[in-house]
C-alpha atoms as a PDB file:
ATOM      1  CA  UNK A   1    -184.501 -81.106 -33.838  1.00  0.00           C
ATOM      2  CA  UNK A   2    -181.515 -79.182 -35.051  1.00  0.00           C
ATOM      3  CA  UNK A   3    -182.073 -76.571 -38.045  1.00  0.00           C
ATOM      4  CA  UNK A   4    -180.465 -77.210 -41.465  1.00  0.00           C
ATOM      5  CA  UNK A   5    -178.353 -74.236 -42.456  1.00  0.00           C
ATOM      6  CA  UNK A   6    -178.791 -73.886 -46.209  1.00  0.00           C
ATOM      7  CA  UNK A   7    -176.542 -71.704 -48.586  1.00  0.00           C
ATOM      8  CA  UNK A   8    -178.208 -71.655 -52.280  1.00  0.00           C
ATOM      9  CA  UNK A   9    -175.605 -70.436 -55.063  1.00  0.00           C
ATOM     10  CA  UNK A  10    -178.649 -69.946 -57.850  1.00  0.00           C
ATOM     11  CA  UNK A  11    -181.911 -68.463 -57.788  1.00  0.00           C
ATOM     12  CA  UNK A  12    -183.837 -71.618 -59.011  1.00  0.00           C
ATOM     13  CA  UNK A  13    -182.642 -73.502 -55.992  1.00  0.00           C
ATOM     14  CA  UNK A  14    -183.372 -70.414 -53.596  1.00  0.00           C
ATOM     15  CA  UNK A  15    -187.210 -70.772 -55.185  1.00  0.00           C
ATOM     16  CA  UNK A  16    -187.440 -74.278 -54.379  1.00  0.00           C
ATOM     17  CA  UNK A  17    -186.076 -73.996 -50.861  1.00  0.00           C
ATOM     18  CA  UNK A  18    -189.193 -71.443 -50.487  1.00  0.00           C
ATOM     19  CA  UNK A  19    -191.543 -73.672 -52.055  1.00  0.00           C
ATOM     20  CA  UNK A  20    -190.326 -76.269 -49.645  1.00  0.00           C
ATOM     21  CA  UNK A  21    -191.502 -73.655 -46.632  1.00  0.00           C
ATOM     22  CA  UNK A  22    -187.586 -73.924 -45.697  1.00  0.00           C
ATOM     23  CA  UNK A  23    -186.691 -70.109 -45.846  1.00  0.00           C
ATOM     24  CA  UNK A  24    -186.197 -69.810 -42.457  1.00  0.00           C
ATOM     25  CA  UNK A  25    -183.258 -72.269 -43.074  1.00  0.00           C
ATOM     26  CA  UNK A  26    -181.818 -70.309 -45.756  1.00  0.00           C
ATOM     27  CA  UNK A  27    -178.444 -68.403 -44.547  1.00  0.00           C
ATOM     28  CA  UNK A  28    -176.806 -67.637 -47.700  1.00  0.00           C
ATOM     29  CA  UNK A  29    -177.739 -66.695 -51.335  1.00  0.00           C
ATOM     30  CA  UNK A  30    -176.186 -65.680 -54.497  1.00  0.00           C
ATOM     31  CA  UNK A  31    -176.755 -61.866 -55.609  1.00  0.00           C
ATOM     32  CA  UNK A  32    -179.718 -63.212 -58.180  1.00  0.00           C
ATOM     33  CA  UNK A  33    -181.511 -64.502 -55.980  1.00  0.00           C
ATOM     34  CA  UNK A  34    -184.442 -62.278 -55.629  1.00  0.00           C
ATOM     35  CA  UNK A  35    -187.731 -64.459 -55.564  1.00  0.00           C
ATOM     36  CA  UNK A  36    -189.264 -64.555 -53.209  1.00  0.00           C
ATOM     37  CA  UNK A  37    -189.216 -60.941 -51.600  1.00  0.00           C
ATOM     38  CA  UNK A  38    -188.098 -62.684 -48.403  1.00  0.00           C
ATOM     39  CA  UNK A  39    -184.920 -63.777 -50.178  1.00  0.00           C
ATOM     40  CA  UNK A  40    -183.706 -60.662 -50.450  1.00  0.00           C
ATOM     41  CA  UNK A  41    -183.115 -60.358 -46.848  1.00  0.00           C
ATOM     42  CA  UNK A  42    -180.744 -63.438 -46.929  1.00  0.00           C
ATOM     43  CA  UNK A  43    -176.977 -62.289 -46.649  1.00  0.00           C
ATOM     44  CA  UNK A  44    -174.995 -62.461 -49.966  1.00  0.00           C
ATOM     45  CA  UNK A  45    -172.372 -65.049 -50.628  1.00  0.00           C
ATOM     46  CA  UNK A  46    -171.924 -65.149 -54.349  1.00  0.00           C
ATOM     47  CA  UNK A  47    -171.116 -62.277 -56.554  1.00  0.00           C
ATOM     48  CA  UNK A  48    -170.562 -61.708 -59.999  1.00  0.00           C
ATOM     49  CA  UNK A  49    -166.958 -60.538 -61.522  1.00  0.00           C
ATOM     50  CA  UNK A  50    -168.692 -59.147 -64.762  1.00  0.00           C
ATOM     51  CA  UNK A  51    -169.235 -55.572 -65.150  1.00  0.00           C
ATOM     52  CA  UNK A  52    -172.704 -54.587 -63.558  1.00  0.00           C
ATOM     53  CA  UNK A  53    -173.039 -50.862 -65.394  1.00  0.00           C
ATOM     54  CA  UNK A  54    -176.353 -50.591 -66.407  1.00  0.00           C
ATOM     55  CA  UNK A  55    -174.855 -49.112 -70.022  1.00  0.00           C
ATOM     56  CA  UNK A  56    -173.054 -52.405 -70.589  1.00  0.00           C
ATOM     57  CA  UNK A  57    -174.679 -53.517 -74.009  1.00  0.00           C
ATOM     58  CA  UNK A  58    -175.452 -57.424 -74.410  1.00  0.00           C
ATOM     59  CA  UNK A  59    -172.416 -57.744 -76.731  1.00  0.00           C
ATOM     60  CA  UNK A  60    -169.828 -56.370 -74.052  1.00  0.00           C
ATOM     61  CA  UNK A  61    -171.294 -58.878 -71.321  1.00  0.00           C
ATOM     62  CA  UNK A  62    -171.120 -61.640 -73.881  1.00  0.00           C
ATOM     63  CA  UNK A  63    -167.352 -60.531 -74.814  1.00  0.00           C
ATOM     64  CA  UNK A  64    -166.425 -60.348 -71.029  1.00  0.00           C
ATOM     65  CA  UNK A  65    -168.009 -63.582 -70.286  1.00  0.00           C
ATOM     66  CA  UNK A  66    -165.890 -65.511 -73.257  1.00  0.00           C
ATOM     67  CA  UNK A  67    -162.949 -63.931 -72.331  1.00  0.00           C
ATOM     68  CA  UNK A  68    -163.039 -64.885 -68.552  1.00  0.00           C
ATOM     69  CA  UNK A  69    -164.083 -68.205 -69.452  1.00  0.00           C
ATOM     70  CA  UNK A  70    -161.140 -68.899 -72.171  1.00  0.00           C
ATOM     71  CA  UNK A  71    -159.209 -67.638 -69.562  1.00  0.00           C
ATOM     72  CA  UNK A  72    -160.307 -70.297 -67.228  1.00  0.00           C
ATOM     73  CA  UNK A  73    -161.785 -67.676 -64.694  1.00  0.00           C
ATOM     74  CA  UNK A  74    -164.997 -67.771 -63.278  1.00  0.00           C
ATOM     75  CA  UNK A  75    -167.553 -64.766 -63.550  1.00  0.00           C
ATOM     76  CA  UNK A  76    -168.777 -65.365 -60.077  1.00  0.00           C
ATOM     77  CA  UNK A  77    -167.149 -64.702 -56.447  1.00  0.00           C
ATOM     78  CA  UNK A  78    -167.610 -66.372 -53.138  1.00  0.00           C
ATOM     79  CA  UNK A  79    -167.351 -64.575 -50.177  1.00  0.00           C
ATOM     80  CA  UNK A  80    -165.276 -67.194 -48.265  1.00  0.00           C
ATOM     81  CA  UNK A  81    -165.354 -65.656 -44.898  1.00  0.00           C
ATOM     82  CA  UNK A  82    -168.966 -65.355 -45.039  1.00  0.00           C
ATOM     83  CA  UNK A  83    -169.442 -69.042 -45.763  1.00  0.00           C
ATOM     84  CA  UNK A  84    -166.849 -69.698 -42.838  1.00  0.00           C
ATOM     85  CA  UNK A  85    -169.070 -67.844 -40.395  1.00  0.00           C
ATOM     86  CA  UNK A  86    -172.436 -69.527 -41.387  1.00  0.00           C
ATOM     87  CA  UNK A  87    -170.616 -73.216 -41.394  1.00  0.00           C
ATOM     88  CA  UNK A  88    -173.474 -74.231 -43.506  1.00  0.00           C
ATOM     89  CA  UNK A  89    -174.763 -77.805 -43.566  1.00  0.00           C
ATOM     90  CA  UNK A  90    -176.090 -77.712 -47.184  1.00  0.00           C
ATOM     91  CA  UNK A  91    -174.763 -75.910 -50.572  1.00  0.00           C
ATOM     92  CA  UNK A  92    -177.143 -75.669 -53.468  1.00  0.00           C
ATOM     93  CA  UNK A  93    -175.178 -75.207 -56.486  1.00  0.00           C
ATOM     94  CA  UNK A  94    -174.779 -76.545 -60.223  1.00  0.00           C
ATOM     95  CA  UNK A  95    -172.444 -77.799 -62.981  1.00  0.00           C
ATOM     96  CA  UNK A  96    -174.807 -77.108 -66.066  1.00  0.00           C
ATOM     97  CA  UNK A  97    -173.460 -73.601 -67.070  1.00  0.00           C
ATOM     98  CA  UNK A  98    -170.709 -72.290 -66.026  1.00  0.00           C
ATOM     99  CA  UNK A  99    -172.413 -68.963 -66.801  1.00  0.00           C
ATOM    100  CA  UNK A 100    -175.060 -69.153 -64.616  1.00  0.00           C
ATOM    101  CA  UNK A 101    -173.474 -69.790 -61.360  1.00  0.00           C
ATOM    102  CA  UNK A 102    -170.722 -71.029 -59.221  1.00  0.00           C
ATOM    103  CA  UNK A 103    -170.000 -74.779 -60.433  1.00  0.00           C
ATOM    104  CA  UNK A 104    -170.181 -77.066 -57.643  1.00  0.00           C
ATOM    105  CA  UNK A 105    -166.530 -78.092 -57.940  1.00  0.00           C
ATOM    106  CA  UNK A 106    -165.562 -74.760 -57.215  1.00  0.00           C
ATOM    107  CA  UNK A 107    -167.660 -74.929 -54.161  1.00  0.00           C
ATOM    108  CA  UNK A 108    -165.997 -78.054 -53.167  1.00  0.00           C
ATOM    109  CA  UNK A 109    -162.577 -76.486 -53.118  1.00  0.00           C
ATOM    110  CA  UNK A 110    -163.646 -73.544 -51.296  1.00  0.00           C
ATOM    111  CA  UNK A 111    -164.955 -75.711 -48.577  1.00  0.00           C
ATOM    112  CA  UNK A 112    -161.556 -77.573 -47.908  1.00  0.00           C
ATOM    113  CA  UNK A 113    -159.726 -74.431 -47.827  1.00  0.00           C
ATOM    114  CA  UNK A 114    -162.204 -73.202 -45.294  1.00  0.00           C
ATOM    115  CA  UNK A 115    -162.184 -76.584 -43.319  1.00  0.00           C
ATOM    116  CA  UNK A 116    -165.836 -76.525 -44.132  1.00  0.00           C
ATOM    117  CA  UNK A 117    -168.111 -79.848 -43.789  1.00  0.00           C
ATOM    118  CA  UNK A 118    -171.364 -78.867 -45.982  1.00  0.00           C
ATOM    119  CA  UNK A 119    -172.924 -81.165 -48.252  1.00  0.00           C
ATOM    120  CA  UNK A 120    -172.896 -80.006 -51.766  1.00  0.00           C
ATOM    121  CA  UNK A 121    -175.482 -81.019 -54.164  1.00  0.00           C
ATOM    122  CA  UNK A 122    -175.816 -79.793 -57.760  1.00  0.00           C
ATOM    123  CA  UNK A 123    -178.841 -79.465 -59.396  1.00  0.00           C
ATOM    124  CA  UNK A 124    -178.553 -79.612 -63.198  1.00  0.00           C
ATOM    125  CA  UNK A 125    -181.641 -80.165 -65.030  1.00  0.00           C
ATOM    126  CA  UNK A 126    -181.385 -80.636 -68.890  1.00  0.00           C
ATOM    127  CA  UNK A 127    -185.403 -81.143 -69.520  1.00  0.00           C
ATOM    128  CA  UNK A 128    -188.760 -79.832 -68.201  1.00  0.00           C
ATOM    129  CA  UNK A 129    -189.254 -82.684 -66.312  1.00  0.00           C
ATOM    130  CA  UNK A 130    -185.976 -82.806 -64.597  1.00  0.00           C
ATOM    131  CA  UNK A 131    -186.669 -79.072 -63.498  1.00  0.00           C
ATOM    132  CA  UNK A 132    -189.740 -80.444 -61.911  1.00  0.00           C
ATOM    133  CA  UNK A 133    -187.557 -83.161 -60.228  1.00  0.00           C
ATOM    134  CA  UNK A 134    -184.881 -81.018 -58.605  1.00  0.00           C
ATOM    135  CA  UNK A 135    -187.585 -80.301 -56.410  1.00  0.00           C
ATOM    136  CA  UNK A 136    -187.929 -83.833 -55.209  1.00  0.00           C
ATOM    137  CA  UNK A 137    -183.880 -83.601 -55.300  1.00  0.00           C
ATOM    138  CA  UNK A 138    -183.804 -80.691 -52.613  1.00  0.00           C
ATOM    139  CA  UNK A 139    -186.654 -82.182 -50.894  1.00  0.00           C
ATOM    140  CA  UNK A 140    -184.566 -85.655 -50.421  1.00  0.00           C
ATOM    141  CA  UNK A 141    -181.870 -83.904 -48.860  1.00  0.00           C
ATOM    142  CA  UNK A 142    -183.566 -81.454 -46.555  1.00  0.00           C
ATOM    143  CA  UNK A 143    -186.005 -84.137 -45.333  1.00  0.00           C
ATOM    144  CA  UNK A 144    -188.955 -82.593 -46.986  1.00  0.00           C
ATOM    145  CA  UNK A 145    -189.638 -85.559 -49.524  1.00  0.00           C
ATOM    146  CA  UNK A 146    -193.676 -85.370 -48.648  1.00  0.00           C
ATOM    147  CA  UNK A 147    -193.976 -81.450 -49.415  1.00  0.00           C
ATOM    148  CA  UNK A 148    -191.964 -82.147 -52.601  1.00  0.00           C
ATOM    149  CA  UNK A 149    -194.203 -85.085 -53.808  1.00  0.00           C
ATOM    150  CA  UNK A 150    -197.037 -82.877 -53.700  1.00  0.00           C
ATOM    151  CA  UNK A 151    -195.046 -79.962 -55.361  1.00  0.00           C
ATOM    152  CA  UNK A 152    -194.040 -81.744 -57.967  1.00  0.00           C
ATOM    153  CA  UNK A 153    -197.054 -83.401 -58.505  1.00  0.00           C
ATOM    154  CA  UNK A 154    -199.016 -80.087 -58.994  1.00  0.00           C
ATOM    155  CA  UNK A 155    -196.486 -79.199 -61.477  1.00  0.00           C
ATOM    156  CA  UNK A 156    -196.737 -81.993 -63.660  1.00  0.00           C
ATOM    157  CA  UNK A 157    -200.805 -81.925 -63.999  1.00  0.00           C
ATOM    158  CA  UNK A 158    -200.617 -77.962 -64.437  1.00  0.00           C
ATOM    159  CA  UNK A 159    -198.307 -79.221 -67.518  1.00  0.00           C
ATOM    160  CA  UNK A 160    -200.688 -81.441 -68.503  1.00  0.00           C
ATOM    161  CA  UNK A 161    -203.452 -79.188 -68.403  1.00  0.00           C
ATOM    162  CA  UNK A 162    -201.753 -77.061 -71.125  1.00  0.00           C
ATOM    163  CA  UNK A 163    -200.787 -80.230 -72.991  1.00  0.00           C
ATOM    164  CA  UNK A 164    -204.661 -81.302 -73.659  1.00  0.00           C
ATOM    165  CA  UNK A 165    -205.754 -77.764 -73.980  1.00  0.00           C
ATOM    166  CA  UNK A 166    -203.168 -77.317 -77.089  1.00  0.00           C
ATOM    167  CA  UNK A 167    -203.901 -80.711 -78.109  1.00  0.00           C
ATOM    168  CA  UNK A 168    -204.876 -81.044 -82.136  1.00  0.00           C
ATOM    169  CA  UNK A 169    -204.043 -77.877 -82.633  1.00  0.00           C
ATOM    170  CA  UNK A 170    -201.621 -76.834 -85.350  1.00  0.00           C
ATOM    171  CA  UNK A 171    -198.179 -76.194 -83.625  1.00  0.00           C
ATOM    172  CA  UNK A 172    -196.583 -72.631 -84.359  1.00  0.00           C
ATOM    173  CA  UNK A 173    -192.975 -72.161 -85.526  1.00  0.00           C
ATOM    174  CA  UNK A 174    -191.234 -70.553 -82.959  1.00  0.00           C
ATOM    175  CA  UNK A 175    -188.044 -69.534 -82.373  1.00  0.00           C
ATOM    176  CA  UNK A 176    -186.710 -68.863 -78.644  1.00  0.00           C
ATOM    177  CA  UNK A 177    -183.761 -66.556 -78.565  1.00  0.00           C
ATOM    178  CA  UNK A 178    -181.975 -66.087 -75.058  1.00  0.00           C
ATOM    179  CA  UNK A 179    -179.652 -63.335 -75.993  1.00  0.00           C
ATOM    180  CA  UNK A 180    -179.811 -61.188 -78.796  1.00  0.00           C
ATOM    181  CA  UNK A 181    -176.327 -60.036 -79.503  1.00  0.00           C
ATOM    182  CA  UNK A 182    -174.796 -62.060 -80.608  1.00  0.00           C
ATOM    183  CA  UNK A 183    -177.968 -64.767 -80.893  1.00  0.00           C
ATOM    184  CA  UNK A 184    -178.263 -67.859 -78.408  1.00  0.00           C
ATOM    185  CA  UNK A 185    -181.082 -70.123 -78.933  1.00  0.00           C
ATOM    186  CA  UNK A 186    -183.121 -71.507 -75.723  1.00  0.00           C
ATOM    187  CA  UNK A 187    -181.784 -74.772 -74.873  1.00  0.00           C
ATOM    188  CA  UNK A 188    -181.949 -77.690 -72.285  1.00  0.00           C
ATOM    189  CA  UNK A 189    -185.469 -77.344 -70.757  1.00  0.00           C
ATOM    190  CA  UNK A 190    -186.880 -74.695 -73.095  1.00  0.00           C
ATOM    191  CA  UNK A 191    -187.681 -76.843 -76.375  1.00  0.00           C
ATOM    192  CA  UNK A 192    -189.937 -79.028 -73.800  1.00  0.00           C
ATOM    193  CA  UNK A 193    -191.444 -76.149 -72.778  1.00  0.00           C
ATOM    194  CA  UNK A 194    -192.160 -74.912 -76.363  1.00  0.00           C
ATOM    195  CA  UNK A 195    -193.337 -78.209 -77.349  1.00  0.00           C
ATOM    196  CA  UNK A 196    -195.825 -78.598 -74.345  1.00  0.00           C
ATOM    197  CA  UNK A 197    -197.800 -75.045 -74.836  1.00  0.00           C
ATOM    198  CA  UNK A 198    -198.134 -76.071 -78.831  1.00  0.00           C
ATOM    199  CA  UNK A 199    -195.113 -75.068 -80.760  1.00  0.00           C
ATOM    200  CA  UNK A 200    -192.871 -76.018 -82.937  1.00  0.00           C
ATOM    201  CA  UNK A 201    -189.220 -75.473 -81.918  1.00  0.00           C
ATOM    202  CA  UNK A 202    -187.021 -73.844 -84.344  1.00  0.00           C
ATOM    203  CA  UNK A 203    -183.381 -74.393 -84.003  1.00  0.00           C
ATOM    204  CA  UNK A 204    -183.578 -75.825 -80.335  1.00  0.00           C
ATOM    205  CA  UNK A 205    -183.625 -79.651 -80.094  1.00  0.00           C
ATOM    206  CA  UNK A 206    -185.123 -80.962 -77.042  1.00  0.00           C
ATOM    207  CA  UNK A 207    -182.410 -81.713 -74.244  1.00  0.00           C
ATOM    208  CA  UNK A 208    -179.746 -79.738 -76.460  1.00  0.00           C
ATOM    209  CA  UNK A 209    -177.698 -76.887 -74.798  1.00  0.00           C
ATOM    210  CA  UNK A 210    -177.991 -73.715 -75.845  1.00  0.00           C
ATOM    211  CA  UNK A 211    -175.731 -72.387 -78.578  1.00  0.00           C
ATOM    212  CA  UNK A 212    -174.286 -69.355 -80.578  1.00  0.00           C
ATOM    213  CA  UNK A 213    -176.164 -68.917 -83.748  1.00  0.00           C
ATOM    214  CA  UNK A 214    -176.144 -67.074 -87.233  1.00  0.00           C
ATOM    215  CA  UNK A 215    -178.998 -64.779 -87.899  1.00  0.00           C
ATOM    216  CA  UNK A 216    -178.599 -66.368 -91.358  1.00  0.00           C
ATOM    217  CA  UNK A 217    -179.677 -69.518 -89.753  1.00  0.00           C
ATOM    218  CA  UNK A 218    -182.817 -67.872 -88.199  1.00  0.00           C
ATOM    219  CA  UNK A 219    -184.021 -66.178 -91.403  1.00  0.00           C
ATOM    220  CA  UNK A 220    -183.535 -69.617 -93.279  1.00  0.00           C
ATOM    221  CA  UNK A 221    -186.162 -71.271 -90.777  1.00  0.00           C
ATOM    222  CA  UNK A 222    -188.399 -68.233 -90.987  1.00  0.00           C
ATOM    223  CA  UNK A 223    -190.352 -68.642 -87.692  1.00  0.00           C
ATOM    224  CA  UNK A 224    -193.785 -67.763 -87.032  1.00  0.00           C
ATOM    225  CA  UNK A 225    -193.338 -66.145 -84.119  1.00  0.00           C
ATOM    226  CA  UNK A 226    -190.032 -65.069 -82.037  1.00  0.00           C
ATOM    227  CA  UNK A 227    -189.837 -65.333 -78.158  1.00  0.00           C
ATOM    228  CA  UNK A 228    -187.138 -63.248 -76.694  1.00  0.00           C
ATOM    229  CA  UNK A 229    -186.066 -64.562 -73.348  1.00  0.00           C
ATOM    230  CA  UNK A 230    -182.862 -62.760 -72.621  1.00  0.00           C
ATOM    231  CA  UNK A 231    -181.151 -64.746 -69.601  1.00  0.00           C
ATOM    232  CA  UNK A 232    -180.845 -62.648 -67.019  1.00  0.00           C
ATOM    233  CA  UNK A 233    -183.695 -60.188 -67.528  1.00  0.00           C
ATOM    234  CA  UNK A 234    -186.736 -59.261 -66.503  1.00  0.00           C
ATOM    235  CA  UNK A 235    -189.750 -58.017 -68.787  1.00  0.00           C
ATOM    236  CA  UNK A 236    -188.058 -54.359 -68.867  1.00  0.00           C
ATOM    237  CA  UNK A 237    -184.907 -55.651 -69.761  1.00  0.00           C
ATOM    238  CA  UNK A 238    -186.386 -57.914 -72.387  1.00  0.00           C
ATOM    239  CA  UNK A 239    -188.176 -55.084 -73.763  1.00  0.00           C
ATOM    240  CA  UNK A 240    -185.482 -52.581 -74.174  1.00  0.00           C
ATOM    241  CA  UNK A 241    -183.173 -55.403 -75.212  1.00  0.00           C
ATOM    242  CA  UNK A 242    -185.500 -56.538 -77.781  1.00  0.00           C
ATOM    243  CA  UNK A 243    -186.617 -53.063 -79.425  1.00  0.00           C
ATOM    244  CA  UNK A 244    -184.259 -53.626 -82.078  1.00  0.00           C
ATOM    245  CA  UNK A 245    -185.486 -57.049 -83.264  1.00  0.00           C
ATOM    246  CA  UNK A 246    -188.490 -55.463 -84.508  1.00  0.00           C
ATOM    247  CA  UNK A 247    -186.850 -54.429 -87.693  1.00  0.00           C
ATOM    248  CA  UNK A 248    -184.330 -56.900 -88.111  1.00  0.00           C
ATOM    249  CA  UNK A 249    -183.995 -58.352 -91.544  1.00  0.00           C
ATOM    250  CA  UNK A 250    -183.509 -61.955 -90.294  1.00  0.00           C
ATOM    251  CA  UNK A 251    -187.348 -61.943 -88.469  1.00  0.00           C
ATOM    252  CA  UNK A 252    -189.339 -60.397 -91.533  1.00  0.00           C
ATOM    253  CA  UNK A 253    -190.909 -63.673 -91.752  1.00  0.00           C
ATOM    254  CA  UNK A 254    -192.427 -63.401 -88.100  1.00  0.00           C
ATOM    255  CA  UNK A 255    -195.749 -62.643 -87.841  1.00  0.00           C
ATOM    256  CA  UNK A 256    -195.276 -61.709 -83.801  1.00  0.00           C
ATOM    257  CA  UNK A 257    -192.049 -60.884 -81.778  1.00  0.00           C
ATOM    258  CA  UNK A 258    -193.032 -61.346 -77.951  1.00  0.00           C
ATOM    259  CA  UNK A 259    -190.497 -60.042 -75.207  1.00  0.00           C
ATOM    260  CA  UNK A 260    -190.567 -62.226 -72.168  1.00  0.00           C
ATOM    261  CA  UNK A 261    -190.035 -62.063 -68.323  1.00  0.00           C
ATOM    262  CA  UNK A 262    -187.096 -64.822 -68.780  1.00  0.00           C
ATOM    263  CA  UNK A 263    -185.883 -64.265 -64.952  1.00  0.00           C
ATOM    264  CA  UNK A 264    -189.393 -65.295 -63.708  1.00  0.00           C
ATOM    265  CA  UNK A 265    -190.017 -67.984 -66.209  1.00  0.00           C
ATOM    266  CA  UNK A 266    -187.453 -69.242 -68.482  1.00  0.00           C
ATOM    267  CA  UNK A 267    -183.880 -68.667 -67.502  1.00  0.00           C
ATOM    268  CA  UNK A 268    -184.273 -70.213 -63.873  1.00  0.00           C
ATOM    269  CA  UNK A 269    -184.864 -74.018 -63.733  1.00  0.00           C
ATOM    270  CA  UNK A 270    -186.948 -73.823 -60.725  1.00  0.00           C
ATOM    271  CA  UNK A 271    -190.954 -74.291 -60.065  1.00  0.00           C
ATOM    272  CA  UNK A 272    -192.100 -71.282 -61.999  1.00  0.00           C
ATOM    273  CA  UNK A 273    -190.886 -72.699 -65.839  1.00  0.00           C
ATOM    274  CA  UNK A 274    -194.470 -74.274 -65.270  1.00  0.00           C
ATOM    275  CA  UNK A 275    -195.607 -70.741 -65.028  1.00  0.00           C
ATOM    276  CA  UNK A 276    -193.743 -69.906 -68.228  1.00  0.00           C
ATOM    277  CA  UNK A 277    -195.356 -73.360 -70.080  1.00  0.00           C
ATOM    278  CA  UNK A 278    -198.599 -71.654 -69.059  1.00  0.00           C
ATOM    279  CA  UNK A 279    -197.574 -68.381 -70.356  1.00  0.00           C
ATOM    280  CA  UNK A 280    -196.067 -69.672 -73.664  1.00  0.00           C
ATOM    281  CA  UNK A 281    -199.681 -71.167 -74.171  1.00  0.00           C
ATOM    282  CA  UNK A 282    -201.551 -67.906 -73.856  1.00  0.00           C
ATOM    283  CA  UNK A 283    -199.106 -66.227 -76.265  1.00  0.00           C
ATOM    284  CA  UNK A 284    -199.297 -69.110 -78.944  1.00  0.00           C
ATOM    285  CA  UNK A 285    -203.128 -70.174 -78.775  1.00  0.00           C
ATOM    286  CA  UNK A 286    -204.695 -67.388 -76.477  1.00  0.00           C
ATOM    287  CA  UNK A 287    -207.893 -69.306 -77.760  1.00  0.00           C
ATOM    288  CA  UNK A 288    -207.351 -72.451 -76.335  1.00  0.00           C
ATOM    289  CA  UNK A 289    -205.200 -71.250 -73.260  1.00  0.00           C
ATOM    290  CA  UNK A 290    -206.127 -67.534 -72.426  1.00  0.00           C
ATOM    291  CA  UNK A 291    -203.403 -65.497 -70.586  1.00  0.00           C
ATOM    292  CA  UNK A 292    -203.870 -64.938 -66.943  1.00  0.00           C
ATOM    293  CA  UNK A 293    -203.982 -61.840 -64.847  1.00  0.00           C
ATOM    294  CA  UNK A 294    -200.575 -60.357 -64.340  1.00  0.00           C
ATOM    295  CA  UNK A 295    -198.585 -62.767 -66.883  1.00  0.00           C
ATOM    296  CA  UNK A 296    -195.645 -60.675 -67.817  1.00  0.00           C
ATOM    297  CA  UNK A 297    -194.938 -60.743 -71.827  1.00  0.00           C
ATOM    298  CA  UNK A 298    -195.314 -58.071 -74.113  1.00  0.00           C
ATOM    299  CA  UNK A 299    -195.441 -58.145 -77.941  1.00  0.00           C
END
């Protein structure tokens, strides 16, 4: 049987590919695909047009993104020649967020120019169960539906165990911040994660997209807990970026402020979001759902 050659343009899809045992079929990845460790050895076919200097501030990143989006320019680049050399059978992309990865339409246009006939599959979840269902979507197009079904069943059972553990407890009023300057709420699947973990999502309606907020909105809601999960950041980055939140006047009512590893558990809609649900439950209701070893969060 001929090996299917896969290119993944988003980290969550790369995680799904490896979870399905298809790591040897991955021929290309985005520069952000860094999990599992074996993915780093795969050739990079998608980069960024944004500044990558470590001293660039969150405000400067936001302004750079806004400027390029307003001008109709992509914030991602494609290595057309490398894709041409790979001649992939399947490309995993998305249309959910132009800031998250190359949109599938841009990929299709590039393939037309290259004369490449790969199938382009767009993964666009808007809820927690949609995220889990993406495993089945990739399984269906790679002939691994049986493995995908087993993974999805396990993930859903784990979410149910969390819900059962916190059932009946008073929900903690929590605001999820996926950016701090300016503030953005956690949207899409994040509200579902909060609900499953025993929280009342403040300013994050289930299924709604992330949006820019005003600090006054957050102050008016006076959340009990602030969950800082800056998109694209690991725990160390979240701690550094979130240091100023401890004394922010809009957050004085909060009993707790937590920095969380967004890359691992929140901003990438792959299998590890269920780890994120478990982590949230341990943060919000530690007596009912004790934290597991190695969980990356910092109060």
